[in-house]
């Protein structure tokens, strides 16, 4: 049975949970999400809206389906997110001339400018959320999480076995 670590720094969280990567990542996710959402909310957008806008700015144009897949966002949620970006004047939809059923989404000049401003807000909010960490620790965290994400995105040749 796990001992509860009752100190001001652990808030009585059991030692087993403090050592659990899934618990650690969830708490870190919640902490950074809360900071980022507060900063972006003041600008009338959300973290997922920012992600979509960033994809549009950095990839030029995307189909709604491609954005949904890239960001692991449900297609109906993606429609609402793009609606919000359009309402801000940050994105626009156009019919794909090669396939009239597809919507191509692009950022506007206003969206490109907003994304640059939002990127700085996100960076500042993430820094505030992780303020107890050293630069070296953050660099290590980013390297580790990127490696895990990249390996998750690569095709797994053993899945067909």
Protein backbone atom coordinates (compact mmCIF):
# COMPACT_ATOMS: atom_id res chain seq x y z
CA UNK A 1 0.00 0.00 0.00
CA UNK A 2 1.30 3.41 -0.93
CA UNK A 3 2.18 5.96 1.70
CA UNK A 4 0.57 9.37 1.45
CA UNK A 5 3.22 12.02 1.37
CA UNK A 6 1.78 14.78 3.53
CA UNK A 7 3.92 17.85 3.08
CA UNK A 8 3.21 21.37 1.87
CA UNK A 9 4.86 20.57 -1.46
CA UNK A 10 2.85 17.42 -2.25
CA UNK A 11 -0.59 18.25 -0.89
CA UNK A 12 -1.05 14.76 0.52
CA UNK A 13 -0.80 13.06 -2.87
CA UNK A 14 0.22 9.39 -2.51
CA UNK A 15 3.84 8.68 -3.40
CA UNK A 16 2.75 6.10 -5.99
CA UNK A 17 0.85 8.79 -7.89
CA UNK A 18 3.70 11.28 -7.59
CA UNK A 19 5.90 8.72 -9.36
CA UNK A 20 3.32 7.80 -12.00
CA UNK A 21 4.02 9.31 -15.44
CA UNK A 22 0.32 9.32 -16.32
CA UNK A 23 -0.53 11.24 -13.15
CA UNK A 24 2.40 13.61 -13.62
CA UNK A 25 1.51 14.32 -17.24
CA UNK A 26 -2.16 14.87 -16.44
CA UNK A 27 -1.36 17.36 -13.69
CA UNK A 28 1.16 19.14 -15.92
CA UNK A 29 -1.34 19.18 -18.80
CA UNK A 30 -4.03 20.66 -16.61
CA UNK A 31 -1.71 23.30 -15.19
CA UNK A 32 -0.42 24.45 -18.57
CA UNK A 33 -3.87 24.23 -20.19
CA UNK A 34 -5.39 26.43 -17.49
CA UNK A 35 -2.71 29.12 -17.95
CA UNK A 36 -2.87 29.00 -21.75
CA UNK A 37 -6.68 28.98 -21.89
CA UNK A 38 -6.83 32.01 -19.57
CA UNK A 39 -4.37 33.95 -21.74
CA UNK A 40 -6.09 33.02 -25.00
CA UNK A 41 -9.57 33.55 -23.56
CA UNK A 42 -8.67 37.18 -22.95
CA UNK A 43 -8.13 37.42 -26.73
CA UNK A 44 -11.40 35.68 -27.57
CA UNK A 45 -10.04 32.30 -28.59
CA UNK A 46 -9.15 28.91 -27.15
CA UNK A 47 -6.14 26.64 -27.16
CA UNK A 48 -7.68 24.43 -29.85
CA UNK A 49 -8.56 27.51 -31.90
CA UNK A 50 -4.94 28.59 -31.60
CA UNK A 51 -3.77 25.15 -32.73
CA UNK A 52 -5.98 25.31 -35.83
CA UNK A 53 -4.84 28.84 -36.65
CA UNK A 54 -1.19 27.80 -36.24
CA UNK A 55 -1.68 24.91 -38.68
CA UNK A 56 -3.29 27.28 -41.18
CA UNK A 57 -0.47 29.82 -40.89
CA UNK A 58 2.34 27.27 -41.06
CA UNK A 59 0.80 25.00 -43.72
CA UNK A 60 -0.87 27.68 -45.89
CA UNK A 61 -4.11 25.79 -46.57
CA UNK A 62 -5.74 22.64 -45.29
CA UNK A 63 -8.94 20.70 -45.65
CA UNK A 64 -11.13 20.51 -42.58
CA UNK A 65 -10.65 16.73 -42.56
CA UNK A 66 -6.86 17.08 -42.64
CA UNK A 67 -6.94 19.55 -39.76
CA UNK A 68 -9.17 17.20 -37.76
CA UNK A 69 -6.78 14.32 -38.31
CA UNK A 70 -3.62 16.32 -37.61
CA UNK A 71 -4.93 17.78 -34.37
CA UNK A 72 -7.01 14.76 -33.27
CA UNK A 73 -10.13 16.93 -33.08
CA UNK A 74 -13.59 15.58 -33.93
CA UNK A 75 -14.87 16.83 -37.31
CA UNK A 76 -17.95 18.49 -35.81
CA UNK A 77 -15.77 20.29 -33.26
CA UNK A 78 -13.47 21.36 -36.08
CA UNK A 79 -16.39 22.99 -37.89
CA UNK A 80 -17.18 25.05 -34.78
CA UNK A 81 -13.53 26.00 -34.30
CA UNK A 82 -13.23 27.19 -37.89
CA UNK A 83 -16.54 29.05 -37.53
CA UNK A 84 -14.96 30.91 -34.60
CA UNK A 85 -11.81 31.71 -36.56
CA UNK A 86 -13.92 32.99 -39.45
CA UNK A 87 -15.95 35.16 -37.07
CA UNK A 88 -12.68 36.72 -35.85
CA UNK A 89 -11.60 37.32 -39.44
CA UNK A 90 -8.63 35.01 -38.96
CA UNK A 91 -9.57 32.27 -41.45
CA UNK A 92 -11.73 31.68 -44.49
CA UNK A 93 -13.22 28.62 -46.15
CA UNK A 94 -13.33 28.05 -49.88
CA UNK A 95 -14.58 25.14 -51.95
CA UNK A 96 -11.81 22.96 -53.32
CA UNK A 97 -11.92 23.50 -57.10
CA UNK A 98 -10.89 19.86 -57.60
CA UNK A 99 -13.56 18.45 -55.27
CA UNK A 100 -16.58 20.64 -54.55
CA UNK A 101 -17.42 18.54 -51.47
CA UNK A 102 -14.20 19.58 -49.73
CA UNK A 103 -13.68 22.83 -47.86
CA UNK A 104 -10.20 24.32 -47.99
CA UNK A 105 -9.38 26.54 -45.04
CA UNK A 106 -6.76 29.27 -45.18
CA UNK A 107 -5.58 31.93 -42.78
CA UNK A 108 -6.14 35.58 -43.59
CA UNK A 109 -3.54 38.33 -43.19
CA UNK A 110 -5.35 39.28 -39.99
CA UNK A 111 -5.12 35.63 -38.88
CA UNK A 112 -1.39 35.47 -39.59
CA UNK A 113 -0.82 38.59 -37.52
CA UNK A 114 -3.07 37.30 -34.71
CA UNK A 115 -1.28 33.93 -34.67
CA UNK A 116 2.09 35.63 -34.10
CA UNK A 117 0.63 37.60 -31.19
CA UNK A 118 -1.11 34.53 -29.78
CA UNK A 119 2.08 32.47 -30.06
CA UNK A 120 3.80 34.92 -27.73
CA UNK A 121 0.87 34.76 -25.31
CA UNK A 122 1.06 30.96 -25.33
CA UNK A 123 4.82 31.01 -24.74
CA UNK A 124 4.39 33.41 -21.82
CA UNK A 125 1.52 31.37 -20.34
CA UNK A 126 3.49 28.14 -20.63
CA UNK A 127 6.46 29.81 -18.93
CA UNK A 128 4.18 31.00 -16.12
CA UNK A 129 2.72 27.51 -15.69
CA UNK A 130 6.18 25.98 -15.53
CA UNK A 131 7.86 28.79 -13.58
CA UNK A 132 9.45 26.47 -11.03
CA UNK A 133 11.31 24.60 -13.77
CA UNK A 134 14.79 25.50 -14.94
CA UNK A 135 15.60 26.15 -18.57
CA UNK A 136 17.54 22.90 -18.70
CA UNK A 137 14.58 20.96 -17.28
CA UNK A 138 12.19 22.53 -19.80
CA UNK A 139 14.54 21.75 -22.67
CA UNK A 140 14.69 18.12 -21.50
CA UNK A 141 10.89 17.98 -21.10
CA UNK A 142 10.34 19.36 -24.62
CA UNK A 143 12.86 16.91 -26.10
CA UNK A 144 11.27 13.95 -24.31
CA UNK A 145 7.68 14.84 -25.20
CA UNK A 146 8.60 15.57 -28.81
CA UNK A 147 10.32 12.18 -29.11
CA UNK A 148 7.24 10.41 -27.75
CA UNK A 149 4.89 12.37 -30.04
CA UNK A 150 7.04 11.81 -33.13
CA UNK A 151 7.25 8.08 -32.47
CA UNK A 152 3.47 8.02 -32.00
CA UNK A 153 2.96 9.75 -35.37
CA UNK A 154 5.32 7.45 -37.29
CA UNK A 155 3.74 4.43 -38.99
CA UNK A 156 4.22 1.31 -36.90
CA UNK A 157 5.40 -1.46 -39.22
CA UNK A 158 4.60 -4.11 -36.59
CA UNK A 159 0.89 -3.21 -36.32
CA UNK A 160 -0.08 -5.56 -39.12
CA UNK A 161 1.38 -8.63 -37.35
